[in-house]
Amino acid sequence: MDLLQSLESELESFKAEYAKFGRGNKAAGTRSRKHLQNIKKMAQDLRNSIQCSKKEEV
């Protein structure tokens, strides 16, 4: 579940940066995109982990 907690933490960081971007902080837009890229990578890792667990059960 550590990967899930990391994903949730990254999502919270994204939300905070995106809110700053909405208020006109352009640098926060760059940080938001970085967080989204990390979320994408973590989600893919989580998908792979789930798939491996399913294969091991069979």
PDB file of N, CA and C in Angstrom:
ATOM      1  N   MET A   1       0.806  -1.207   0.000  1.00  0.00           N
ATOM      2  CA  MET A   1       0.000   0.000   0.000  1.00  0.00           C
ATOM      3  C   MET A   1       0.848   1.271   0.000  1.00  0.00           C
ATOM      4  N   ASP A   2       2.146   1.129   0.122  1.00  0.00           N
ATOM      5  CA  ASP A   2       3.023   2.299   0.132  1.00  0.00           C
ATOM      6  C   ASP A   2       2.917   3.069  -1.183  1.00  0.00           C
ATOM      7  N   LEU A   3       2.783   2.357  -2.286  1.00  0.00           N
ATOM      8  CA  LEU A   3       2.657   3.004  -3.589  1.00  0.00           C
ATOM      9  C   LEU A   3       1.364   3.808  -3.664  1.00  0.00           C
ATOM     10  N   LEU A   4       0.312   3.291  -3.093  1.00  0.00           N
ATOM     11  CA  LEU A   4      -0.966   4.003  -3.082  1.00  0.00           C
ATOM     12  C   LEU A   4      -0.874   5.283  -2.256  1.00  0.00           C
ATOM     13  N   GLN A   5      -0.197   5.228  -1.125  1.00  0.00           N
ATOM     14  CA  GLN A   5      -0.015   6.417  -0.293  1.00  0.00           C
ATOM     15  C   GLN A   5       0.829   7.464  -1.022  1.00  0.00           C
ATOM     16  N   SER A   6       1.846   7.021  -1.731  1.00  0.00           N
ATOM     17  CA  SER A   6       2.678   7.946  -2.511  1.00  0.00           C
ATOM     18  C   SER A   6       1.861   8.616  -3.603  1.00  0.00           C
ATOM     19  N   LEU A   7       0.999   7.847  -4.228  1.00  0.00           N
ATOM     20  CA  LEU A   7       0.131   8.376  -5.277  1.00  0.00           C
ATOM     21  C   LEU A   7      -0.819   9.430  -4.718  1.00  0.00           C
ATOM     22  N   GLU A   8      -1.400   9.149  -3.566  1.00  0.00           N
ATOM     23  CA  GLU A   8      -2.300  10.110  -2.930  1.00  0.00           C
ATOM     24  C   GLU A   8      -1.567  11.383  -2.534  1.00  0.00           C
ATOM     25  N   SER A   9      -0.353  11.242  -2.032  1.00  0.00           N
ATOM     26  CA  SER A   9       0.453  12.397  -1.641  1.00  0.00           C
ATOM     27  C   SER A   9       0.791  13.259  -2.855  1.00  0.00           C
ATOM     28  N   GLU A  10       1.154  12.604  -3.939  1.00  0.00           N
ATOM     29  CA  GLU A  10       1.480  13.325  -5.177  1.00  0.00           C
ATOM     30  C   GLU A  10       0.254  14.065  -5.706  1.00  0.00           C
ATOM     31  N   LEU A  11      -0.904  13.443  -5.589  1.00  0.00           N
ATOM     32  CA  LEU A  11      -2.149  14.074  -6.038  1.00  0.00           C
ATOM     33  C   LEU A  11      -2.447  15.322  -5.204  1.00  0.00           C
ATOM     34  N   GLU A  12      -2.229  15.246  -3.909  1.00  0.00           N
ATOM     35  CA  GLU A  12      -2.443  16.413  -3.051  1.00  0.00           C
ATOM     36  C   GLU A  12      -1.484  17.543  -3.418  1.00  0.00           C
ATOM     37  N   SER A  13      -0.244  17.194  -3.714  1.00  0.00           N
ATOM     38  CA  SER A  13       0.740  18.203  -4.134  1.00  0.00           C
ATOM     39  C   SER A  13       0.317  18.847  -5.447  1.00  0.00           C
ATOM     40  N   PHE A  14      -0.190  18.017  -6.363  1.00  0.00           N
ATOM     41  CA  PHE A  14      -0.675  18.549  -7.640  1.00  0.00           C
ATOM     42  C   PHE A  14      -1.808  19.531  -7.424  1.00  0.00           C
ATOM     43  N   LYS A  15      -2.760  19.158  -6.563  1.00  0.00           N
ATOM     44  CA  LYS A  15      -3.910  20.026  -6.306  1.00  0.00           C
ATOM     45  C   LYS A  15      -3.466  21.388  -5.769  1.00  0.00           C
ATOM     46  N   ALA A  16      -2.492  21.376  -4.865  1.00  0.00           N
ATOM     47  CA  ALA A  16      -2.012  22.631  -4.280  1.00  0.00           C
ATOM     48  C   ALA A  16      -1.343  23.501  -5.344  1.00  0.00           C
ATOM     49  N   GLU A  17      -0.501  22.898  -6.173  1.00  0.00           N
ATOM     50  CA  GLU A  17       0.190  23.664  -7.211  1.00  0.00           C
ATOM     51  C   GLU A  17      -0.785  24.164  -8.274  1.00  0.00           C
ATOM     52  N   TYR A  18      -1.779  23.347  -8.600  1.00  0.00           N
ATOM     53  CA  TYR A  18      -2.744  23.744  -9.611  1.00  0.00           C
ATOM     54  C   TYR A  18      -3.589  24.914  -9.129  1.00  0.00           C
ATOM     55  N   ALA A  19      -3.881  24.920  -7.840  1.00  0.00           N
ATOM     56  CA  ALA A  19      -4.629  26.051  -7.265  1.00  0.00           C
ATOM     57  C   ALA A  19      -3.807  27.337  -7.386  1.00  0.00           C
ATOM     58  N   LYS A  20      -2.503  27.237  -7.137  1.00  0.00           N
ATOM     59  CA  LYS A  20      -1.617  28.398  -7.285  1.00  0.00           C
ATOM     60  C   LYS A  20      -1.586  28.866  -8.737  1.00  0.00           C
ATOM     61  N   PHE A  21      -1.555  27.893  -9.652  1.00  0.00           N
ATOM     62  CA  PHE A  21      -1.542  28.224 -11.074  1.00  0.00           C
ATOM     63  C   PHE A  21      -2.821  28.959 -11.465  1.00  0.00           C
ATOM     64  N   GLY A  22      -3.935  28.541 -10.897  1.00  0.00           N
ATOM     65  CA  GLY A  22      -5.222  29.177 -11.174  1.00  0.00           C
ATOM     66  C   GLY A  22      -5.273  30.622 -10.705  1.00  0.00           C
ATOM     67  N   ARG A  23      -4.452  30.946  -9.734  1.00  0.00           N
ATOM     68  CA  ARG A  23      -4.401  32.318  -9.228  1.00  0.00           C
ATOM     69  C   ARG A  23      -3.366  33.164  -9.967  1.00  0.00           C
ATOM     70  N   GLY A  24      -2.740  32.584 -10.998  1.00  0.00           N
ATOM     71  CA  GLY A  24      -1.848  33.369 -11.838  1.00  0.00           C
ATOM     72  C   GLY A  24      -0.360  33.099 -11.657  1.00  0.00           C
ATOM     73  N   ASN A  25       0.011  32.138 -10.840  1.00  0.00           N
ATOM     74  CA  ASN A  25       1.422  31.806 -10.643  1.00  0.00           C
ATOM     75  C   ASN A  25       1.855  30.854 -11.755  1.00  0.00           C
ATOM     76  N   LYS A  26       2.561  31.391 -12.745  1.00  0.00           N
ATOM     77  CA  LYS A  26       2.925  30.586 -13.915  1.00  0.00           C
ATOM     78  C   LYS A  26       3.928  29.484 -13.584  1.00  0.00           C
ATOM     79  N   ALA A  27       4.810  29.712 -12.629  1.00  0.00           N
ATOM     80  CA  ALA A  27       5.779  28.681 -12.246  1.00  0.00           C
ATOM     81  C   ALA A  27       5.069  27.472 -11.644  1.00  0.00           C
ATOM     82  N   ALA A  28       3.938  27.708 -11.004  1.00  0.00           N
ATOM     83  CA  ALA A  28       3.169  26.601 -10.435  1.00  0.00           C
ATOM     84  C   ALA A  28       2.619  25.702 -11.538  1.00  0.00           C
ATOM     85  N   GLY A  29       2.420  26.235 -12.725  1.00  0.00           N
ATOM     86  CA  GLY A  29       1.973  25.421 -13.851  1.00  0.00           C
ATOM     87  C   GLY A  29       3.007  24.373 -14.219  1.00  0.00           C
ATOM     88  N   THR A  30       4.270  24.767 -14.197  1.00  0.00           N
ATOM     89  CA  THR A  30       5.360  23.828 -14.480  1.00  0.00           C
ATOM     90  C   THR A  30       5.406  22.741 -13.412  1.00  0.00           C
ATOM     91  N   ARG A  31       5.289  23.148 -12.158  1.00  0.00           N
ATOM     92  CA  ARG A  31       5.304  22.167 -11.072  1.00  0.00           C
ATOM     93  C   ARG A  31       4.088  21.252 -11.155  1.00  0.00           C
ATOM     94  N   SER A  32       2.949  21.780 -11.569  1.00  0.00           N
ATOM     95  CA  SER A  32       1.739  20.963 -11.729  1.00  0.00           C
ATOM     96  C   SER A  32       1.956  19.888 -12.774  1.00  0.00           C
ATOM     97  N   ARG A  33       2.554  20.271 -13.881  1.00  0.00           N
ATOM     98  CA  ARG A  33       2.823  19.299 -14.943  1.00  0.00           C
ATOM     99  C   ARG A  33       3.788  18.222 -14.463  1.00  0.00           C
ATOM    100  N   LYS A  34       4.766  18.607 -13.664  1.00  0.00           N
ATOM    101  CA  LYS A  34       5.722  17.638 -13.122  1.00  0.00           C
ATOM    102  C   LYS A  34       4.993  16.642 -12.216  1.00  0.00           C
ATOM    103  N   HIS A  35       4.099  17.151 -11.377  1.00  0.00           N
ATOM    104  CA  HIS A  35       3.334  16.255 -10.499  1.00  0.00           C
ATOM    105  C   HIS A  35       2.452  15.317 -11.324  1.00  0.00           C
ATOM    106  N   LEU A  36       1.849  15.809 -12.379  1.00  0.00           N
ATOM    107  CA  LEU A  36       1.023  14.950 -13.230  1.00  0.00           C
ATOM    108  C   LEU A  36       1.856  13.844 -13.879  1.00  0.00           C
ATOM    109  N   GLN A  37       3.067  14.176 -14.291  1.00  0.00           N
ATOM    110  CA  GLN A  37       3.950  13.166 -14.885  1.00  0.00           C
ATOM    111  C   GLN A  37       4.289  12.096 -13.849  1.00  0.00           C
ATOM    112  N   ASN A  38       4.553  12.527 -12.616  1.00  0.00           N
ATOM    113  CA  ASN A  38       4.849  11.567 -11.547  1.00  0.00           C
ATOM    114  C   ASN A  38       3.629  10.698 -11.241  1.00  0.00           C
ATOM    115  N   ILE A  39       2.447  11.304 -11.254  1.00  0.00           N
ATOM    116  CA  ILE A  39       1.213  10.550 -11.019  1.00  0.00           C
ATOM    117  C   ILE A  39       1.030   9.498 -12.107  1.00  0.00           C
ATOM    118  N   LYS A  40       1.293   9.880 -13.334  1.00  0.00           N
ATOM    119  CA  LYS A  40       1.166   8.942 -14.450  1.00  0.00           C
ATOM    120  C   LYS A  40       2.105   7.751 -14.256  1.00  0.00           C
ATOM    121  N   LYS A  41       3.351   8.023 -13.866  1.00  0.00           N
ATOM    122  CA  LYS A  41       4.329   6.959 -13.662  1.00  0.00           C
ATOM    123  C   LYS A  41       3.914   6.058 -12.504  1.00  0.00           C
ATOM    124  N   MET A  42       3.476   6.660 -11.401  1.00  0.00           N
ATOM    125  CA  MET A  42       3.059   5.868 -10.245  1.00  0.00           C
ATOM    126  C   MET A  42       1.835   5.019 -10.560  1.00  0.00           C
ATOM    127  N   ALA A  43       0.891   5.576 -11.316  1.00  0.00           N
ATOM    128  CA  ALA A  43      -0.310   4.826 -11.691  1.00  0.00           C
ATOM    129  C   ALA A  43       0.075   3.624 -12.550  1.00  0.00           C
ATOM    130  N   GLN A  44       1.010   3.807 -13.456  1.00  0.00           N
ATOM    131  CA  GLN A  44       1.464   2.698 -14.295  1.00  0.00           C
ATOM    132  C   GLN A  44       2.153   1.632 -13.447  1.00  0.00           C
ATOM    133  N   ASP A  45       2.979   2.062 -12.488  1.00  0.00           N
ATOM    134  CA  ASP A  45       3.639   1.112 -11.593  1.00  0.00           C
ATOM    135  C   ASP A  45       2.609   0.329 -10.774  1.00  0.00           C
ATOM    136  N   LEU A  46       1.574   1.023 -10.314  1.00  0.00           N
ATOM    137  CA  LEU A  46       0.519   0.370  -9.543  1.00  0.00           C
ATOM    138  C   LEU A  46      -0.242  -0.633 -10.410  1.00  0.00           C
ATOM    139  N   ARG A  47      -0.522  -0.251 -11.649  1.00  0.00           N
ATOM    140  CA  ARG A  47      -1.201  -1.176 -12.575  1.00  0.00           C
ATOM    141  C   ARG A  47      -0.359  -2.432 -12.783  1.00  0.00           C
ATOM    142  N   ASN A  48       0.950  -2.245 -12.980  1.00  0.00           N
ATOM    143  CA  ASN A  48       1.840  -3.397 -13.184  1.00  0.00           C
ATOM    144  C   ASN A  48       1.880  -4.284 -11.949  1.00  0.00           C
ATOM    145  N   SER A  49       1.892  -3.668 -10.781  1.00  0.00           N
ATOM    146  CA  SER A  49       1.908  -4.413  -9.532  1.00  0.00           C
ATOM    147  C   SER A  49       0.641  -5.251  -9.380  1.00  0.00           C
ATOM    148  N   ILE A  50      -0.494  -4.660  -9.707  1.00  0.00           N
ATOM    149  CA  ILE A  50      -1.771  -5.381  -9.628  1.00  0.00           C
ATOM    150  C   ILE A  50      -1.770  -6.542 -10.616  1.00  0.00           C
ATOM    151  N   GLN A  51      -1.286  -6.298 -11.818  1.00  0.00           N
ATOM    152  CA  GLN A  51      -1.261  -7.349 -12.839  1.00  0.00           C
ATOM    153  C   GLN A  51      -0.352  -8.508 -12.411  1.00  0.00           C
ATOM    154  N   CYS A  52       0.787  -8.197 -11.842  1.00  0.00           N
ATOM    155  CA  CYS A  52       1.695  -9.260 -11.372  1.00  0.00           C
ATOM    156  C   CYS A  52       1.050 -10.056 -10.255  1.00  0.00           C
ATOM    157  N   SER A  53       0.349  -9.392  -9.366  1.00  0.00           N
ATOM    158  CA  SER A  53      -0.340 -10.089  -8.266  1.00  0.00           C
ATOM    159  C   SER A  53      -1.406 -11.034  -8.808  1.00  0.00           C
ATOM    160  N   LYS A  54      -2.118 -10.586  -9.838  1.00  0.00           N
ATOM    161  CA  LYS A  54      -3.148 -11.433 -10.439  1.00  0.00           C
ATOM    162  C   LYS A  54      -2.532 -12.671 -11.085  1.00  0.00           C
ATOM    163  N   LYS A  55      -1.402 -12.494 -11.743  1.00  0.00           N
ATOM    164  CA  LYS A  55      -0.749 -13.627 -12.412  1.00  0.00           C
ATOM    165  C   LYS A  55      -0.215 -14.631 -11.405  1.00  0.00           C
ATOM    166  N   GLU A  56       0.274 -14.147 -10.249  1.00  0.00           N
ATOM    167  CA  GLU A  56       0.819 -15.039  -9.239  1.00  0.00           C
ATOM    168  C   GLU A  56      -0.263 -15.887  -8.589  1.00  0.00           C
ATOM    169  N   GLU A  57      -1.479 -15.375  -8.512  1.00  0.00           N
ATOM    170  CA  GLU A  57      -2.576 -16.119  -7.883  1.00  0.00           C
ATOM    171  C   GLU A  57      -3.012 -17.303  -8.729  1.00  0.00           C
ATOM    172  N   VAL A  58      -2.873 -17.203 -10.028  1.00  0.00           N
ATOM    173  CA  VAL A  58      -3.352 -18.258 -10.924  1.00  0.00           C
ATOM    174  C   VAL A  58      -2.396 -19.399 -10.990  1.00  0.00           C
TER     175      VAL A  58
END
